[in-house]
């Protein structure tokens, strides 16, 4: 009879185009156990109770009535009933004579254990000392509370030890425990099936739309449409704002207005001095201070323009830069500024005794001495040195250093013999 049961299982699997590997992966039953079931060789299974449990689970997976197969193993030739399973439904076992509720099965099993223990006159403490199973686990077994056990596998081992200690045949006990687990699994499957069927009551058109267009794709398309609309609205708003603005007249820069040199400054009469303006000689000028008119000056970093401050010093000097040049300013004997200046910048200096200004480009600087405009200091490329004191403007006199003449010593003339 076991051969016939195995052939029925193999035929049902082949009709569904399933392999043993797929069945083992989905039922979590080892491959060699499934092969033993299809061959009808139940001797290769661990125990009779486990063999019946494997048969029940495998038959339920293939859609074959497990009750018919179990009855066939017991000698009742009952034709198996194949339950047709649709693609969106989960197979549910047919009603049997004994209770299908897992709670009732575990409760009935617990009552049998409790009745046997009370008949023998054992207490739960005595049982715990003999089989080394904690008392609260024994209470869970007798009350049919599967949730109070660590796991179904550990609960099965505890149940086997308990039934053996009470002198009961462990095979029927373990078989009933396996039936309870199968009933519990069937209840969970039925609950999932009812939940899936409840979700399938949506309108057919909506389900068909979701079938061809996934929800992620629809959501992405909606977001893209919203983004395009937002960008279009922003462009329209920007263009309307620009068109509503009236262009204002170009206002000149503040630096151009402040440092623009009027024509009258160029014709200003400088302060007369008794000494004519000689060419400055003997003044050491660093190399490269005069710009080459044929070569464009190199780009330099813009120096920080000092903020003019109000001072009570008797000597006030204000310098406006018109061209690139090198400039050095000494105030009361101390060098206060030395470096290259760029057009548009301005410098203010104040001293007690004197201020000396030296530049390599006279046309680059326009000087205001004690609020008197002296105009530009010279022409392009001219080296100019000016000293401003409390008495007025002084022009330094060039110093000529004489070079001593070295007289060569006479060399002795050798006498010639007559």
Foldseek 3Di string as FASTA:
>chain_A
DQQVQLCVLVVLCVVVVHDLVVLCVVLVPDSVLNVCSNRSNCVPPPDPLVNLLVQCSSCQVSQKASVCSVVVVVPDNDDIDGDDDDPLAHRAHDDDPDDLALQVLQQVLLCVLVVLCVVVPDDLVVVCVPLVDDSQLNVCSNRSPPVSDPDLVVNLVVQQSSCVVSVHDSSVSSNSSSSSVVSVVSVVRVVVRVVSVVVVPDDPVVVVVCVVAPPVNVVVVVVVVVVVVVVVVVVVVVVVVVVPDDDDDDDDDPLCVVQPDDPVLQVDDADDDPDDADAAPPDDDDPPQADDPVDDDDDDDADDADDDDDDPALKKKKKAFQAWGWKWKAAPNRTPDTGIHHHSGMHIDGHRFKMKMWIQAQQGIFMQIPNRTRHGRDHHRGIAIWMQGSVGIDRDDHDDDDDDDDDDDDDDDDDDDD
